[in-house]
């Protein structure tokens, strides 16, 4: 079952899950979790890709990389 993006007013389907820890000032962005949790937020591609964290915080993007997102030097990619 898919879940909707947690951003208010966004009707898109979530593809990533955001979690955070105040003590370490860290935000983690993972592939969408199998189940929702009250202390995490699901985000659509647009909101996940444009996520910014507060100054002094670290963003750890741990989402799996899709093959079409990998660009190796010297290899032509189809458009």
N, C-alpha and C. Protein backbone atom coordinates (compact mmCIF):
# COMPACT_ATOMS: atom_id res chain seq x y z
N UNK A 1 0.85 -1.18 0.00
CA UNK A 1 0.00 0.00 0.00
C UNK A 1 0.89 1.24 0.00
N UNK A 2 0.58 2.20 -0.86
CA UNK A 2 1.37 3.42 -0.94
C UNK A 2 0.78 4.48 0.00
N UNK A 3 1.66 5.40 0.38
CA UNK A 3 1.25 6.49 1.28
C UNK A 3 1.49 7.82 0.58
N UNK A 4 0.75 8.81 1.00
CA UNK A 4 0.82 10.15 0.44
C UNK A 4 1.95 10.94 1.10
N UNK A 5 2.51 11.90 0.38
CA UNK A 5 3.53 12.80 0.90
C UNK A 5 2.99 13.52 2.14
N UNK A 6 3.83 13.70 3.13
CA UNK A 6 3.44 14.34 4.39
C UNK A 6 3.36 15.86 4.30
N UNK A 7 3.89 16.45 3.23
CA UNK A 7 3.83 17.91 3.09
C UNK A 7 2.39 18.34 2.90
N UNK A 8 1.92 19.32 3.67
CA UNK A 8 0.53 19.78 3.56
C UNK A 8 0.18 20.19 2.13
N UNK A 9 -0.94 19.68 1.64
CA UNK A 9 -1.43 20.03 0.32
C UNK A 9 -0.81 19.24 -0.82
N UNK A 10 0.16 18.39 -0.55
CA UNK A 10 0.81 17.63 -1.61
C UNK A 10 0.08 16.30 -1.80
N UNK A 11 -0.45 16.06 -2.99
CA UNK A 11 -1.20 14.83 -3.25
C UNK A 11 -0.34 13.67 -3.77
N UNK A 12 0.96 13.89 -3.93
CA UNK A 12 1.84 12.90 -4.55
C UNK A 12 2.10 11.70 -3.63
N UNK A 13 2.49 10.59 -4.24
CA UNK A 13 2.81 9.36 -3.53
C UNK A 13 4.23 9.45 -2.97
N UNK A 14 4.40 9.02 -1.74
CA UNK A 14 5.71 9.07 -1.07
C UNK A 14 6.67 8.03 -1.64
N UNK A 15 7.94 8.43 -1.75
CA UNK A 15 9.00 7.53 -2.22
C UNK A 15 10.18 7.50 -1.25
N UNK A 16 10.11 8.33 -0.21
CA UNK A 16 11.21 8.42 0.76
C UNK A 16 10.63 8.67 2.15
N UNK A 17 11.39 8.27 3.17
CA UNK A 17 10.98 8.49 4.55
C UNK A 17 12.06 9.28 5.26
N UNK A 18 11.65 10.37 5.91
CA UNK A 18 12.55 11.24 6.66
C UNK A 18 12.44 10.92 8.15
N UNK A 19 13.60 10.81 8.79
CA UNK A 19 13.67 10.64 10.24
C UNK A 19 14.74 11.60 10.75
N UNK A 20 14.67 11.96 12.02
CA UNK A 20 15.66 12.90 12.54
C UNK A 20 15.94 12.62 14.01
N UNK A 21 17.08 13.15 14.47
CA UNK A 21 17.48 13.03 15.88
C UNK A 21 18.06 14.37 16.31
N UNK A 22 17.38 15.01 17.25
CA UNK A 22 17.82 16.33 17.72
C UNK A 22 19.22 16.27 18.35
N UNK A 23 19.49 15.25 19.15
CA UNK A 23 20.76 15.19 19.89
C UNK A 23 21.98 15.24 18.96
N UNK A 24 21.91 14.56 17.83
CA UNK A 24 23.05 14.53 16.91
C UNK A 24 22.88 15.52 15.75
N UNK A 25 21.75 16.25 15.73
CA UNK A 25 21.45 17.19 14.65
C UNK A 25 21.59 16.52 13.29
N UNK A 26 20.95 15.36 13.17
CA UNK A 26 21.04 14.57 11.95
C UNK A 26 19.66 14.27 11.41
N UNK A 27 19.53 14.37 10.10
CA UNK A 27 18.32 13.99 9.38
C UNK A 27 18.70 12.87 8.43
N UNK A 28 17.90 11.80 8.44
CA UNK A 28 18.13 10.68 7.55
C UNK A 28 17.00 10.63 6.54
N UNK A 29 17.35 10.41 5.30
CA UNK A 29 16.39 10.25 4.23
C UNK A 29 16.63 8.87 3.63
N UNK A 30 15.66 7.99 3.81
CA UNK A 30 15.75 6.61 3.34
C UNK A 30 14.68 6.35 2.29
N UNK A 31 14.80 5.22 1.60
CA UNK A 31 13.71 4.79 0.74
C UNK A 31 12.46 4.68 1.61
N UNK A 32 11.30 4.77 1.00
CA UNK A 32 10.07 4.77 1.78
C UNK A 32 9.99 3.51 2.66
N UNK A 33 9.68 3.73 3.93
CA UNK A 33 9.61 2.63 4.90
C UNK A 33 8.42 1.73 4.59
N UNK A 34 8.54 0.47 4.93
CA UNK A 34 7.46 -0.49 4.68
C UNK A 34 6.20 -0.10 5.44
N UNK A 35 6.36 0.46 6.63
CA UNK A 35 5.22 0.89 7.43
C UNK A 35 5.46 2.30 7.95
N UNK A 36 4.39 3.06 8.07
CA UNK A 36 4.50 4.41 8.62
C UNK A 36 4.77 4.37 10.11
N UNK A 37 5.36 5.44 10.62
CA UNK A 37 5.66 5.56 12.05
C UNK A 37 5.38 7.00 12.46
N UNK A 38 4.85 7.23 13.66
CA UNK A 38 4.50 8.59 14.06
C UNK A 38 5.67 9.58 14.12
N UNK A 39 6.90 9.10 14.23
CA UNK A 39 8.02 10.03 14.34
C UNK A 39 8.81 10.15 13.03
N UNK A 40 8.25 9.68 11.91
CA UNK A 40 8.89 9.84 10.61
C UNK A 40 7.91 10.53 9.66
N UNK A 41 8.44 11.00 8.54
CA UNK A 41 7.62 11.70 7.56
C UNK A 41 7.92 11.14 6.18
N UNK A 42 6.88 10.78 5.45
CA UNK A 42 7.03 10.27 4.10
C UNK A 42 6.99 11.45 3.12
N UNK A 43 7.88 11.42 2.11
CA UNK A 43 7.98 12.51 1.15
C UNK A 43 7.93 12.00 -0.27
N UNK A 44 7.33 12.81 -1.15
CA UNK A 44 7.29 12.51 -2.59
C UNK A 44 8.67 12.83 -3.18
N UNK A 45 8.91 12.47 -4.44
CA UNK A 45 10.22 12.76 -5.05
C UNK A 45 10.59 14.25 -5.01
N UNK A 46 9.65 15.12 -5.34
CA UNK A 46 9.96 16.56 -5.37
C UNK A 46 10.40 17.06 -4.00
N UNK A 47 9.66 16.72 -2.95
CA UNK A 47 10.00 17.22 -1.62
C UNK A 47 11.24 16.53 -1.05
N UNK A 48 11.44 15.27 -1.38
CA UNK A 48 12.65 14.57 -0.91
C UNK A 48 13.90 15.15 -1.58
N UNK A 49 13.81 15.43 -2.88
CA UNK A 49 14.98 15.92 -3.63
C UNK A 49 15.33 17.37 -3.33
N UNK A 50 14.39 18.13 -2.80
CA UNK A 50 14.66 19.54 -2.50
C UNK A 50 14.76 19.80 -1.00
N UNK A 51 14.83 18.75 -0.22
CA UNK A 51 14.90 18.88 1.24
C UNK A 51 16.15 19.64 1.67
N UNK A 52 15.97 20.59 2.55
CA UNK A 52 17.08 21.34 3.16
C UNK A 52 16.94 21.22 4.67
N UNK A 53 18.06 21.08 5.34
CA UNK A 53 18.03 20.96 6.80
C UNK A 53 18.54 22.26 7.43
N UNK A 54 18.21 22.50 8.69
CA UNK A 54 18.67 23.73 9.36
C UNK A 54 20.19 23.82 9.41
N UNK A 55 20.70 25.04 9.47
CA UNK A 55 22.13 25.27 9.59
C UNK A 55 22.65 24.53 10.82
N UNK A 56 23.76 23.83 10.66
CA UNK A 56 24.35 23.07 11.75
C UNK A 56 23.89 21.61 11.80
N UNK A 57 22.91 21.26 10.97
CA UNK A 57 22.42 19.89 10.90
C UNK A 57 23.06 19.19 9.71
N UNK A 58 23.07 17.84 9.76
CA UNK A 58 23.60 17.03 8.67
C UNK A 58 22.47 16.28 8.01
N UNK A 59 22.50 16.18 6.70
CA UNK A 59 21.55 15.36 5.96
C UNK A 59 22.26 14.12 5.48
N UNK A 60 21.74 12.97 5.85
CA UNK A 60 22.28 11.68 5.41
C UNK A 60 21.28 11.06 4.46
N UNK A 61 21.54 11.19 3.16
CA UNK A 61 20.64 10.64 2.15
C UNK A 61 21.05 9.19 1.90
N UNK A 62 20.25 8.27 2.40
CA UNK A 62 20.56 6.85 2.29
C UNK A 62 19.61 6.14 1.34
N UNK A 63 18.95 6.92 0.47
CA UNK A 63 18.04 6.29 -0.49
C UNK A 63 18.84 5.46 -1.47
N UNK A 64 18.26 4.35 -1.91
CA UNK A 64 18.95 3.55 -2.93
C UNK A 64 19.05 4.35 -4.23
N UNK A 65 20.15 4.18 -4.94
CA UNK A 65 20.37 4.89 -6.20
C UNK A 65 19.81 4.03 -7.32
N UNK A 66 18.97 4.64 -8.16
CA UNK A 66 18.43 3.93 -9.32
C UNK A 66 19.46 3.97 -10.44
N UNK A 67 19.47 2.94 -11.27
CA UNK A 67 20.45 2.83 -12.36
C UNK A 67 20.43 4.05 -13.27
N UNK A 68 19.24 4.62 -13.56
CA UNK A 68 19.18 5.77 -14.47
C UNK A 68 19.76 7.04 -13.84
N UNK A 69 20.04 7.04 -12.55
CA UNK A 69 20.61 8.21 -11.89
C UNK A 69 22.14 8.17 -11.86
N UNK A 70 22.72 7.04 -12.22
CA UNK A 70 24.17 6.89 -12.19
C UNK A 70 24.74 7.31 -13.54
N UNK A 71 25.67 8.26 -13.54
CA UNK A 71 26.29 8.75 -14.76
C UNK A 71 27.80 8.49 -14.66
N UNK A 72 28.27 7.54 -15.45
CA UNK A 72 29.70 7.22 -15.44
C UNK A 72 30.39 7.94 -16.58
N UNK A 73 31.57 8.50 -16.34
CA UNK A 73 32.30 9.21 -17.39
C UNK A 73 32.57 8.29 -18.58
N UNK A 74 32.39 8.82 -19.79
CA UNK A 74 32.71 8.06 -21.00
C UNK A 74 31.62 7.11 -21.44
N UNK A 75 30.51 7.06 -20.74
CA UNK A 75 29.41 6.16 -21.13
C UNK A 75 28.23 7.02 -21.55
N UNK A 76 27.75 6.77 -22.75
CA UNK A 76 26.58 7.54 -23.25
C UNK A 76 25.33 7.00 -22.60
N UNK A 77 24.43 7.92 -22.23
CA UNK A 77 23.15 7.54 -21.62
C UNK A 77 22.03 7.98 -22.54
N UNK A 78 21.02 7.13 -22.65
CA UNK A 78 19.86 7.48 -23.47
C UNK A 78 19.07 8.59 -22.80
N UNK A 79 18.50 9.48 -23.61
CA UNK A 79 17.71 10.58 -23.06
C UNK A 79 16.27 10.21 -23.03
